[in-house]
């Protein structure tokens, strides 16, 4: 029975950590920061920062131009998103383990 309690305690810890990270600020999933050059007939070699996503989350677009001063803020939001995604996967696996243990205990 203590193993099941340990699993429940670990689950509560992971959920609390996920809540704490969500409370730290904006969370971006499936996004990255990239530098891109001007397209078309641009004559300058200047490169611009862009926030890119797999899904159109920026007013229906997949990319958004950033100021150089905003890059660190968005990189932190991306890191939070990656951590929350990893925690979600850990929580899901742990819930599956808990359900298996409870099923075994029910048969005993």
PDB file of N, CA and C in Angstrom:
ATOM      1  N   UNK A   1       0.813  -1.196   0.000  1.00  0.00           N
ATOM      2  CA  UNK A   1       0.000   0.000   0.000  1.00  0.00           C
ATOM      3  C   UNK A   1       0.861   1.265   0.000  1.00  0.00           C
ATOM      4  N   UNK A   2       2.059   1.184   0.586  1.00  0.00           N
ATOM      5  CA  UNK A   2       2.909   2.368   0.629  1.00  0.00           C
ATOM      6  C   UNK A   2       3.401   2.743  -0.765  1.00  0.00           C
ATOM      7  N   UNK A   3       3.571   1.768  -1.631  1.00  0.00           N
ATOM      8  CA  UNK A   3       3.996   2.058  -3.011  1.00  0.00           C
ATOM      9  C   UNK A   3       2.943   2.912  -3.716  1.00  0.00           C
ATOM     10  N   UNK A   4       1.682   2.576  -3.507  1.00  0.00           N
ATOM     11  CA  UNK A   4       0.596   3.348  -4.107  1.00  0.00           C
ATOM     12  C   UNK A   4       0.566   4.763  -3.545  1.00  0.00           C
ATOM     13  N   UNK A   5       0.800   4.896  -2.256  1.00  0.00           N
ATOM     14  CA  UNK A   5       0.833   6.223  -1.633  1.00  0.00           C
ATOM     15  C   UNK A   5       2.000   7.040  -2.173  1.00  0.00           C
ATOM     16  N   UNK A   6       3.145   6.387  -2.371  1.00  0.00           N
ATOM     17  CA  UNK A   6       4.304   7.071  -2.948  1.00  0.00           C
ATOM     18  C   UNK A   6       3.996   7.575  -4.357  1.00  0.00           C
ATOM     19  N   UNK A   7       3.307   6.762  -5.143  1.00  0.00           N
ATOM     20  CA  UNK A   7       2.940   7.169  -6.503  1.00  0.00           C
ATOM     21  C   UNK A   7       1.988   8.364  -6.471  1.00  0.00           C
ATOM     22  N   UNK A   8       1.008   8.330  -5.557  1.00  0.00           N
ATOM     23  CA  UNK A   8       0.071   9.452  -5.441  1.00  0.00           C
ATOM     24  C   UNK A   8       0.793  10.725  -4.993  1.00  0.00           C
ATOM     25  N   UNK A   9       1.760  10.579  -4.088  1.00  0.00           N
ATOM     26  CA  UNK A   9       2.520  11.736  -3.622  1.00  0.00           C
ATOM     27  C   UNK A   9       3.375  12.311  -4.757  1.00  0.00           C
ATOM     28  N   UNK A  10       3.994  11.446  -5.527  1.00  0.00           N
ATOM     29  CA  UNK A  10       4.798  11.894  -6.672  1.00  0.00           C
ATOM     30  C   UNK A  10       3.918  12.599  -7.703  1.00  0.00           C
ATOM     31  N   UNK A  11       2.719  12.081  -7.925  1.00  0.00           N
ATOM     32  CA  UNK A  11       1.771  12.705  -8.848  1.00  0.00           C
ATOM     33  C   UNK A  11       1.397  14.104  -8.370  1.00  0.00           C
ATOM     34  N   UNK A  12       1.128  14.245  -7.079  1.00  0.00           N
ATOM     35  CA  UNK A  12       0.778  15.558  -6.526  1.00  0.00           C
ATOM     36  C   UNK A  12       1.940  16.537  -6.662  1.00  0.00           C
ATOM     37  N   UNK A  13       3.157  16.049  -6.472  1.00  0.00           N
ATOM     38  CA  UNK A  13       4.344  16.897  -6.607  1.00  0.00           C
ATOM     39  C   UNK A  13       4.497  17.394  -8.045  1.00  0.00           C
ATOM     40  N   UNK A  14       4.329  16.496  -9.009  1.00  0.00           N
ATOM     41  CA  UNK A  14       4.450  16.881 -10.419  1.00  0.00           C
ATOM     42  C   UNK A  14       3.365  17.879 -10.816  1.00  0.00           C
ATOM     43  N   UNK A  15       2.146  17.670 -10.341  1.00  0.00           N
ATOM     44  CA  UNK A  15       1.056  18.594 -10.665  1.00  0.00           C
ATOM     45  C   UNK A  15       1.301  19.962 -10.039  1.00  0.00           C
ATOM     46  N   UNK A  16       1.849  19.991  -8.819  1.00  0.00           N
ATOM     47  CA  UNK A  16       2.159  21.263  -8.168  1.00  0.00           C
ATOM     48  C   UNK A  16       3.257  22.005  -8.928  1.00  0.00           C
ATOM     49  N   UNK A  17       4.256  21.264  -9.409  1.00  0.00           N
ATOM     50  CA  UNK A  17       5.332  21.892 -10.179  1.00  0.00           C
ATOM     51  C   UNK A  17       4.803  22.465 -11.491  1.00  0.00           C
ATOM     52  N   UNK A  18       3.896  21.730 -12.146  1.00  0.00           N
ATOM     53  CA  UNK A  18       3.298  22.219 -13.392  1.00  0.00           C
ATOM     54  C   UNK A  18       2.506  23.503 -13.138  1.00  0.00           C
ATOM     55  N   UNK A  19       1.773  23.550 -12.037  1.00  0.00           N
ATOM     56  CA  UNK A  19       1.009  24.746 -11.685  1.00  0.00           C
ATOM     57  C   UNK A  19       1.940  25.919 -11.385  1.00  0.00           C
ATOM     58  N   UNK A  20       3.048  25.642 -10.681  1.00  0.00           N
ATOM     59  CA  UNK A  20       4.009  26.692 -10.346  1.00  0.00           C
ATOM     60  C   UNK A  20       4.628  27.283 -11.612  1.00  0.00           C
ATOM     61  N   UNK A  21       5.011  26.430 -12.534  1.00  0.00           N
ATOM     62  CA  UNK A  21       5.626  26.899 -13.778  1.00  0.00           C
ATOM     63  C   UNK A  21       4.626  27.713 -14.593  1.00  0.00           C
ATOM     64  N   UNK A  22       3.376  27.280 -14.634  1.00  0.00           N
ATOM     65  CA  UNK A  22       2.342  28.025 -15.368  1.00  0.00           C
ATOM     66  C   UNK A  22       2.142  29.410 -14.775  1.00  0.00           C
ATOM     67  N   UNK A  23       2.311  29.526 -13.470  1.00  0.00           N
ATOM     68  CA  UNK A  23       2.126  30.806 -12.801  1.00  0.00           C
ATOM     69  C   UNK A  23       3.287  31.769 -12.974  1.00  0.00           C
ATOM     70  N   UNK A  24       4.420  31.297 -13.469  1.00  0.00           N
ATOM     71  CA  UNK A  24       5.591  32.156 -13.633  1.00  0.00           C
ATOM     72  C   UNK A  24       5.443  33.152 -14.772  1.00  0.00           C
ATOM     73  N   UNK A  25       4.593  32.873 -15.720  1.00  0.00           N
ATOM     74  CA  UNK A  25       4.430  33.780 -16.849  1.00  0.00           C
ATOM     75  C   UNK A  25       3.870  33.061 -18.054  1.00  0.00           C
ATOM     76  N   UNK A  26       4.012  33.709 -19.199  1.00  0.00           N
ATOM     77  CA  UNK A  26       3.480  33.155 -20.445  1.00  0.00           C
ATOM     78  C   UNK A  26       4.154  31.822 -20.779  1.00  0.00           C
ATOM     79  N   UNK A  27       3.374  30.915 -21.348  1.00  0.00           N
ATOM     80  CA  UNK A  27       3.866  29.593 -21.731  1.00  0.00           C
ATOM     81  C   UNK A  27       3.607  29.409 -23.223  1.00  0.00           C
ATOM     82  N   UNK A  28       4.650  29.070 -23.983  1.00  0.00           N
ATOM     83  CA  UNK A  28       4.512  28.847 -25.422  1.00  0.00           C
ATOM     84  C   UNK A  28       4.883  27.408 -25.752  1.00  0.00           C
ATOM     85  N   UNK A  29       3.962  26.710 -26.388  1.00  0.00           N
ATOM     86  CA  UNK A  29       4.184  25.329 -26.802  1.00  0.00           C
ATOM     87  C   UNK A  29       4.409  25.275 -28.309  1.00  0.00           C
ATOM     88  N   UNK A  30       5.311  24.404 -28.739  1.00  0.00           N
ATOM     89  CA  UNK A  30       5.613  24.206 -30.161  1.00  0.00           C
ATOM     90  C   UNK A  30       6.026  25.502 -30.848  1.00  0.00           C
ATOM     91  N   UNK A  31       6.869  26.284 -30.184  1.00  0.00           N
ATOM     92  CA  UNK A  31       7.371  27.546 -30.747  1.00  0.00           C
ATOM     93  C   UNK A  31       8.895  27.573 -30.647  1.00  0.00           C
ATOM     94  N   UNK A  32       9.505  28.435 -31.451  1.00  0.00           N
ATOM     95  CA  UNK A  32      10.933  28.645 -31.389  1.00  0.00           C
ATOM     96  C   UNK A  32      11.254  30.044 -31.884  1.00  0.00           C
ATOM     97  N   UNK A  33      12.447  30.526 -31.497  1.00  0.00           N
ATOM     98  CA  UNK A  33      12.923  31.843 -31.913  1.00  0.00           C
ATOM     99  C   UNK A  33      13.975  31.626 -32.988  1.00  0.00           C
ATOM    100  N   UNK A  34      13.865  32.390 -34.077  1.00  0.00           N
ATOM    101  CA  UNK A  34      14.807  32.240 -35.183  1.00  0.00           C
ATOM    102  C   UNK A  34      15.142  33.607 -35.761  1.00  0.00           C
ATOM    103  N   UNK A  35      16.292  33.686 -36.386  1.00  0.00           N
ATOM    104  CA  UNK A  35      16.678  34.893 -37.109  1.00  0.00           C
ATOM    105  C   UNK A  35      16.415  34.647 -38.580  1.00  0.00           C
ATOM    106  N   UNK A  36      15.826  35.630 -39.233  1.00  0.00           N
ATOM    107  CA  UNK A  36      15.566  35.463 -40.663  1.00  0.00           C
ATOM    108  C   UNK A  36      15.953  36.742 -41.390  1.00  0.00           C
ATOM    109  N   UNK A  37      16.386  36.558 -42.607  1.00  0.00           N
ATOM    110  CA  UNK A  37      16.751  37.696 -43.427  1.00  0.00           C
ATOM    111  C   UNK A  37      15.552  38.263 -44.151  1.00  0.00           C
ATOM    112  N   UNK A  38      15.697  39.478 -44.617  1.00  0.00           N
ATOM    113  CA  UNK A  38      14.616  40.107 -45.371  1.00  0.00           C
ATOM    114  C   UNK A  38      14.446  39.374 -46.695  1.00  0.00           C
ATOM    115  N   UNK A  39      13.201  39.181 -47.098  1.00  0.00           N
ATOM    116  CA  UNK A  39      12.929  38.447 -48.328  1.00  0.00           C
ATOM    117  C   UNK A  39      12.687  39.382 -49.499  1.00  0.00           C
ATOM    118  N   UNK A  40      12.308  38.809 -50.608  1.00  0.00           N
ATOM    119  CA  UNK A  40      11.970  39.609 -51.782  1.00  0.00           C
ATOM    120  C   UNK A  40      13.178  40.270 -52.400  1.00  0.00           C
ATOM    121  N   UNK A  41      13.036  41.539 -52.722  1.00  0.00           N
ATOM    122  CA  UNK A  41      14.109  42.276 -53.390  1.00  0.00           C
ATOM    123  C   UNK A  41      14.892  43.137 -52.416  1.00  0.00           C
ATOM    124  N   UNK A  42      14.889  42.784 -51.153  1.00  0.00           N
ATOM    125  CA  UNK A  42      15.595  43.576 -50.143  1.00  0.00           C
ATOM    126  C   UNK A  42      17.089  43.608 -50.454  1.00  0.00           C
ATOM    127  N   UNK A  43      17.666  44.776 -50.298  1.00  0.00           N
ATOM    128  CA  UNK A  43      19.084  44.937 -50.615  1.00  0.00           C
ATOM    129  C   UNK A  43      19.957  44.890 -49.365  1.00  0.00           C
ATOM    130  N   UNK A  44      19.342  44.844 -48.225  1.00  0.00           N
ATOM    131  CA  UNK A  44      20.115  44.844 -46.990  1.00  0.00           C
ATOM    132  C   UNK A  44      20.317  43.412 -46.502  1.00  0.00           C
ATOM    133  N   UNK A  45      21.414  43.183 -45.843  1.00  0.00           N
ATOM    134  CA  UNK A  45      21.698  41.861 -45.298  1.00  0.00           C
ATOM    135  C   UNK A  45      21.262  41.744 -43.848  1.00  0.00           C
ATOM    136  N   UNK A  46      20.508  42.726 -43.391  1.00  0.00           N
ATOM    137  CA  UNK A  46      20.082  42.748 -41.994  1.00  0.00           C
ATOM    138  C   UNK A  46      19.173  41.557 -41.689  1.00  0.00           C
ATOM    139  N   UNK A  47      19.356  40.992 -40.497  1.00  0.00           N
ATOM    140  CA  UNK A  47      18.547  39.844 -40.090  1.00  0.00           C
ATOM    141  C   UNK A  47      17.637  40.265 -38.941  1.00  0.00           C
ATOM    142  N   UNK A  48      16.446  39.676 -38.903  1.00  0.00           N
ATOM    143  CA  UNK A  48      15.432  40.025 -37.923  1.00  0.00           C
ATOM    144  C   UNK A  48      15.091  38.813 -37.062  1.00  0.00           C
ATOM    145  N   UNK A  49      14.722  39.076 -35.809  1.00  0.00           N
ATOM    146  CA  UNK A  49      14.269  38.016 -34.916  1.00  0.00           C
ATOM    147  C   UNK A  49      12.805  37.715 -35.185  1.00  0.00           C
ATOM    148  N   UNK A  50      12.473  36.429 -35.202  1.00  0.00           N
ATOM    149  CA  UNK A  50      11.084  36.012 -35.374  1.00  0.00           C
ATOM    150  C   UNK A  50      10.750  34.918 -34.373  1.00  0.00           C
ATOM    151  N   UNK A  51       9.521  34.972 -33.884  1.00  0.00           N
ATOM    152  CA  UNK A  51       8.972  33.896 -33.076  1.00  0.00           C
ATOM    153  C   UNK A  51       8.134  33.062 -34.019  1.00  0.00           C
ATOM    154  N   UNK A  52       8.448  31.777 -34.117  1.00  0.00           N
ATOM    155  CA  UNK A  52       7.742  30.907 -35.059  1.00  0.00           C
ATOM    156  C   UNK A  52       7.008  29.803 -34.312  1.00  0.00           C
ATOM    157  N   UNK A  53       5.933  29.322 -34.956  1.00  0.00           N
ATOM    158  CA  UNK A  53       5.114  28.279 -34.359  1.00  0.00           C
ATOM    159  C   UNK A  53       4.655  27.304 -35.434  1.00  0.00           C
ATOM    160  N   UNK A  54       4.312  26.100 -35.018  1.00  0.00           N
ATOM    161  CA  UNK A  54       3.766  25.111 -35.950  1.00  0.00           C
ATOM    162  C   UNK A  54       2.306  25.411 -36.269  1.00  0.00           C
ATOM    163  N   UNK A  55       1.640  26.099 -35.352  1.00  0.00           N
ATOM    164  CA  UNK A  55       0.220  26.426 -35.512  1.00  0.00           C
ATOM    165  C   UNK A  55       0.042  27.936 -35.617  1.00  0.00           C
ATOM    166  N   UNK A  56      -0.966  28.404 -36.326  1.00  0.00           N
ATOM    167  CA  UNK A  56      -1.188  29.857 -36.451  1.00  0.00           C
ATOM    168  C   UNK A  56      -1.773  30.442 -35.165  1.00  0.00           C
ATOM    169  N   UNK A  57      -0.896  30.808 -34.218  1.00  0.00           N
ATOM    170  CA  UNK A  57      -1.369  31.331 -32.939  1.00  0.00           C
ATOM    171  C   UNK A  57      -1.147  32.833 -32.781  1.00  0.00           C
ATOM    172  N   UNK A  58      -0.476  33.461 -33.716  1.00  0.00           N
ATOM    173  CA  UNK A  58      -0.196  34.890 -33.636  1.00  0.00           C
ATOM    174  C   UNK A  58      -1.120  35.634 -34.592  1.00  0.00           C
ATOM    175  N   UNK A  59      -2.333  35.900 -34.159  1.00  0.00           N
ATOM    176  CA  UNK A  59      -3.345  36.570 -34.990  1.00  0.00           C
ATOM    177  C   UNK A  59      -3.533  35.840 -36.318  1.00  0.00           C
ATOM    178  N   UNK A  60      -3.601  34.528 -36.264  1.00  0.00           N
ATOM    179  CA  UNK A  60      -3.820  33.722 -37.460  1.00  0.00           C
ATOM    180  C   UNK A  60      -2.573  33.494 -38.295  1.00  0.00           C
ATOM    181  N   UNK A  61      -1.408  33.852 -37.762  1.00  0.00           N
ATOM    182  CA  UNK A  61      -0.155  33.668 -38.499  1.00  0.00           C
ATOM    183  C   UNK A  61       0.774  32.752 -37.715  1.00  0.00           C
ATOM    184  N   UNK A  62       1.741  32.182 -38.416  1.00  0.00           N
ATOM    185  CA  UNK A  62       2.667  31.260 -37.782  1.00  0.00           C
ATOM    186  C   UNK A  62       3.959  31.920 -37.322  1.00  0.00           C
ATOM    187  N   UNK A  63       4.137  33.196 -37.616  1.00  0.00           N
ATOM    188  CA  UNK A  63       5.352  33.874 -37.179  1.00  0.00           C
ATOM    189  C   UNK A  63       5.030  35.293 -36.735  1.00  0.00           C
ATOM    190  N   UNK A  64       5.929  35.801 -35.909  1.00  0.00           N
ATOM    191  CA  UNK A  64       5.747  37.144 -35.360  1.00  0.00           C
ATOM    192  C   UNK A  64       7.135  37.767 -35.233  1.00  0.00           C
ATOM    193  N   UNK A  65       7.278  38.997 -35.696  1.00  0.00           N
ATOM    194  CA  UNK A  65       8.556  39.685 -35.576  1.00  0.00           C
ATOM    195  C   UNK A  65       8.761  40.126 -34.139  1.00  0.00           C
ATOM    196  N   UNK A  66      10.019  40.047 -33.676  1.00  0.00           N
ATOM    197  CA  UNK A  66      10.357  40.422 -32.310  1.00  0.00           C
ATOM    198  C   UNK A  66      11.402  41.522 -32.300  1.00  0.00           C
ATOM    199  N   UNK A  67      11.358  42.317 -31.249  1.00  0.00           N
ATOM    200  CA  UNK A  67      12.435  43.268 -30.996  1.00  0.00           C
ATOM    201  C   UNK A  67      13.557  42.485 -30.323  1.00  0.00           C
ATOM    202  N   UNK A  68      14.770  42.960 -30.458  1.00  0.00           N
ATOM    203  CA  UNK A  68      15.906  42.264 -29.852  1.00  0.00           C
ATOM    204  C   UNK A  68      15.753  42.192 -28.335  1.00  0.00           C
ATOM    205  N   UNK A  69      15.104  43.187 -27.747  1.00  0.00           N
ATOM    206  CA  UNK A  69      14.919  43.201 -26.294  1.00  0.00           C
ATOM    207  C   UNK A  69      13.876  42.188 -25.825  1.00  0.00           C
ATOM    208  N   UNK A  70      13.033  41.689 -26.725  1.00  0.00           N
ATOM    209  CA  UNK A  70      11.981  40.735 -26.364  1.00  0.00           C
ATOM    210  C   UNK A  70      12.419  39.278 -26.481  1.00  0.00           C
ATOM    211  N   UNK A  71      13.563  39.038 -27.091  1.00  0.00           N
ATOM    212  CA  UNK A  71      13.996  37.673 -27.387  1.00  0.00           C
ATOM    213  C   UNK A  71      14.156  36.844 -26.114  1.00  0.00           C
ATOM    214  N   UNK A  72      14.803  37.388 -25.089  1.00  0.00           N
ATOM    215  CA  UNK A  72      15.030  36.633 -23.850  1.00  0.00           C
ATOM    216  C   UNK A  72      13.712  36.270 -23.178  1.00  0.00           C
ATOM    217  N   UNK A  73      12.766  37.190 -23.195  1.00  0.00           N
ATOM    218  CA  UNK A  73      11.451  36.943 -22.590  1.00  0.00           C
ATOM    219  C   UNK A  73      10.738  35.780 -23.284  1.00  0.00           C
ATOM    220  N   UNK A  74      10.764  35.772 -24.607  1.00  0.00           N
ATOM    221  CA  UNK A  74      10.099  34.706 -25.353  1.00  0.00           C
ATOM    222  C   UNK A  74      10.844  33.377 -25.242  1.00  0.00           C
ATOM    223  N   UNK A  75      12.167  33.412 -25.154  1.00  0.00           N
ATOM    224  CA  UNK A  75      12.917  32.169 -24.964  1.00  0.00           C
ATOM    225  C   UNK A  75      12.583  31.539 -23.612  1.00  0.00           C
ATOM    226  N   UNK A  76      12.372  32.379 -22.590  1.00  0.00           N
ATOM    227  CA  UNK A  76      11.970  31.861 -21.276  1.00  0.00           C
ATOM    228  C   UNK A  76      10.579  31.235 -21.353  1.00  0.00           C
ATOM    229  N   UNK A  77       9.665  31.859 -22.104  1.00  0.00           N
ATOM    230  CA  UNK A  77       8.310  31.313 -22.264  1.00  0.00           C
ATOM    231  C   UNK A  77       8.352  29.977 -23.006  1.00  0.00           C
ATOM    232  N   UNK A  78       9.237  29.864 -23.983  1.00  0.00           N
ATOM    233  CA  UNK A  78       9.391  28.608 -24.728  1.00  0.00           C
ATOM    234  C   UNK A  78       9.949  27.519 -23.806  1.00  0.00           C
ATOM    235  N   UNK A  79      10.931  27.881 -22.971  1.00  0.00           N
ATOM    236  CA  UNK A  79      11.498  26.909 -22.027  1.00  0.00           C
ATOM    237  C   UNK A  79      10.435  26.430 -21.042  1.00  0.00           C
ATOM    238  N   UNK A  80       9.582  27.359 -20.578  1.00  0.00           N
ATOM    239  CA  UNK A  80       8.486  26.958 -19.687  1.00  0.00           C
ATOM    240  C   UNK A  80       7.537  26.000 -20.402  1.00  0.00           C
ATOM    241  N   UNK A  81       7.251  26.271 -21.663  1.00  0.00           N
ATOM    242  CA  UNK A  81       6.368  25.401 -22.436  1.00  0.00           C
ATOM    243  C   UNK A  81       6.941  24.004 -22.599  1.00  0.00           C
ATOM    244  N   UNK A  82       8.242  23.917 -22.862  1.00  0.00           N
ATOM    245  CA  UNK A  82       8.884  22.604 -23.005  1.00  0.00           C
ATOM    246  C   UNK A  82       8.832  21.833 -21.691  1.00  0.00           C
ATOM    247  N   UNK A  83       9.068  22.545 -20.582  1.00  0.00           N
ATOM    248  CA  UNK A  83       9.045  21.883 -19.274  1.00  0.00           C
ATOM    249  C   UNK A  83       7.633  21.400 -18.934  1.00  0.00           C
ATOM    250  N   UNK A  84       6.628  22.225 -19.226  1.00  0.00           N
ATOM    251  CA  UNK A  84       5.243  21.839 -18.946  1.00  0.00           C
ATOM    252  C   UNK A  84       4.836  20.644 -19.804  1.00  0.00           C
ATOM    253  N   UNK A  85       5.278  20.624 -21.050  1.00  0.00           N
ATOM    254  CA  UNK A  85       4.967  19.488 -21.925  1.00  0.00           C
ATOM    255  C   UNK A  85       5.598  18.210 -21.379  1.00  0.00           C
ATOM    256  N   UNK A  86       6.851  18.294 -20.929  1.00  0.00           N
ATOM    257  CA  UNK A  86       7.531  17.125 -20.361  1.00  0.00           C
ATOM    258  C   UNK A  86       6.842  16.673 -19.076  1.00  0.00           C
ATOM    259  N   UNK A  87       6.441  17.632 -18.238  1.00  0.00           N
ATOM    260  CA  UNK A  87       5.734  17.281 -17.007  1.00  0.00           C
ATOM    261  C   UNK A  87       4.405  16.605 -17.315  1.00  0.00           C
ATOM    262  N   UNK A  88       3.716  17.080 -18.330  1.00  0.00           N
ATOM    263  CA  UNK A  88       2.446  16.474 -18.723  1.00  0.00           C
ATOM    264  C   UNK A  88       2.617  15.022 -19.127  1.00  0.00           C
ATOM    265  N   UNK A  89       3.690  14.737 -19.855  1.00  0.00           N
ATOM    266  CA  UNK A  89       3.963  13.357 -20.263  1.00  0.00           C
ATOM    267  C   UNK A  89       4.298  12.485 -19.050  1.00  0.00           C
ATOM    268  N   UNK A  90       5.093  13.045 -18.106  1.00  0.00           N
ATOM    269  CA  UNK A  90       5.421  12.296 -16.893  1.00  0.00           C
ATOM    270  C   UNK A  90       4.170  12.011 -16.074  1.00  0.00           C
ATOM    271  N   UNK A  91       3.302  13.009 -15.961  1.00  0.00           N
ATOM    272  CA  UNK A  91       2.063  12.852 -15.198  1.00  0.00           C
ATOM    273  C   UNK A  91       1.191  11.774 -15.826  1.00  0.00           C
ATOM    274  N   UNK A  92       1.106  11.782 -17.147  1.00  0.00           N
ATOM    275  CA  UNK A  92       0.286  10.778 -17.834  1.00  0.00           C
ATOM    276  C   UNK A  92       0.818   9.361 -17.584  1.00  0.00           C
ATOM    277  N   UNK A  93       2.139   9.188 -17.671  1.00  0.00           N
ATOM    278  CA  UNK A  93       2.734   7.872 -17.419  1.00  0.00           C
ATOM    279  C   UNK A  93       2.496   7.436 -15.972  1.00  0.00           C
ATOM    280  N   UNK A  94       2.620   8.387 -15.059  1.00  0.00           N
ATOM    281  CA  UNK A  94       2.425   8.072 -13.650  1.00  0.00           C
ATOM    282  C   UNK A  94       0.975   7.692 -13.363  1.00  0.00           C
ATOM    283  N   UNK A  95       0.043   8.376 -13.997  1.00  0.00           N
ATOM    284  CA  UNK A  95      -1.370   8.031 -13.821  1.00  0.00           C
ATOM    285  C   UNK A  95      -1.661   6.629 -14.353  1.00  0.00           C
ATOM    286  N   UNK A  96      -1.012   6.250 -15.434  1.00  0.00           N
ATOM    287  CA  UNK A  96      -1.180   4.894 -15.964  1.00  0.00           C
ATOM    288  C   UNK A  96      -0.630   3.856 -14.989  1.00  0.00           C
ATOM    289  N   UNK A  97       0.531   4.157 -14.384  1.00  0.00           N
ATOM    290  CA  UNK A  97       1.098   3.238 -13.395  1.00  0.00           C
ATOM    291  C   UNK A  97       0.178   3.105 -12.189  1.00  0.00           C
ATOM    292  N   UNK A  98      -0.385   4.228 -11.738  1.00  0.00           N
ATOM    293  CA  UNK A  98      -1.295   4.206 -10.590  1.00  0.00           C
ATOM    294  C   UNK A  98      -2.522   3.364 -10.904  1.00  0.00           C
ATOM    295  N   UNK A  99      -3.072   3.536 -12.097  1.00  0.00           N
ATOM    296  CA  UNK A  99      -4.266   2.759 -12.449  1.00  0.00           C
ATOM    297  C   UNK A  99      -3.952   1.261 -12.531  1.00  0.00           C
ATOM    298  N   UNK A 100      -2.750   0.906 -13.006  1.00  0.00           N
ATOM    299  CA  UNK A 100      -2.364  -0.509 -13.049  1.00  0.00           C
ATOM    300  C   UNK A 100      -2.234  -1.088 -11.641  1.00  0.00           C
ATOM    301  N   UNK A 101      -1.611  -0.320 -10.744  1.00  0.00           N
ATOM    302  CA  UNK A 101      -1.445  -0.786  -9.367  1.00  0.00           C
ATOM    303  C   UNK A 101      -2.802  -0.932  -8.690  1.00  0.00           C
ATOM    304  N   UNK A 102      -3.689   0.040  -8.905  1.00  0.00           N
ATOM    305  CA  UNK A 102      -5.026  -0.038  -8.310  1.00  0.00           C
ATOM    306  C   UNK A 102      -5.808  -1.223  -8.868  1.00  0.00           C
ATOM    307  N   UNK A 103      -5.632  -1.521 -10.149  1.00  0.00           N
ATOM    308  CA  UNK A 103      -6.306  -2.677 -10.745  1.00  0.00           C
ATOM    309  C   UNK A 103      -5.786  -3.982 -10.142  1.00  0.00           C
ATOM    310  N   UNK A 104      -4.474  -4.046  -9.908  1.00  0.00           N
ATOM    311  CA  UNK A 104      -3.904  -5.238  -9.274  1.00  0.00           C
ATOM    312  C   UNK A 104      -4.410  -5.398  -7.844  1.00  0.00           C
ATOM    313  N   UNK A 105      -4.506  -4.281  -7.127  1.00  0.00           N
ATOM    314  CA  UNK A 105      -5.004  -4.341  -5.751  1.00  0.00           C
ATOM    315  C   UNK A 105      -6.475  -4.731  -5.707  1.00  0.00           C
ATOM    316  N   UNK A 106      -7.221  -4.361  -6.720  1.00  0.00           N
ATOM    317  CA  UNK A 106      -8.648  -4.691  -6.759  1.00  0.00           C
ATOM    318  C   UNK A 106      -8.856  -6.188  -6.979  1.00  0.00           C
ATOM    319  N   UNK A 107      -7.929  -6.821  -7.683  1.00  0.00           N
ATOM    320  CA  UNK A 107      -8.073  -8.255  -7.939  1.00  0.00           C
ATOM    321  C   UNK A 107      -7.661  -9.096  -6.738  1.00  0.00           C
ATOM    322  N   UNK A 108      -6.884  -8.506  -5.838  1.00  0.00           N
ATOM    323  CA  UNK A 108      -6.390  -9.255  -4.660  1.00  0.00           C
ATOM    324  C   UNK A 108      -7.456  -9.412  -3.621  1.00  0.00           C
TER     325      UNK A 108
END
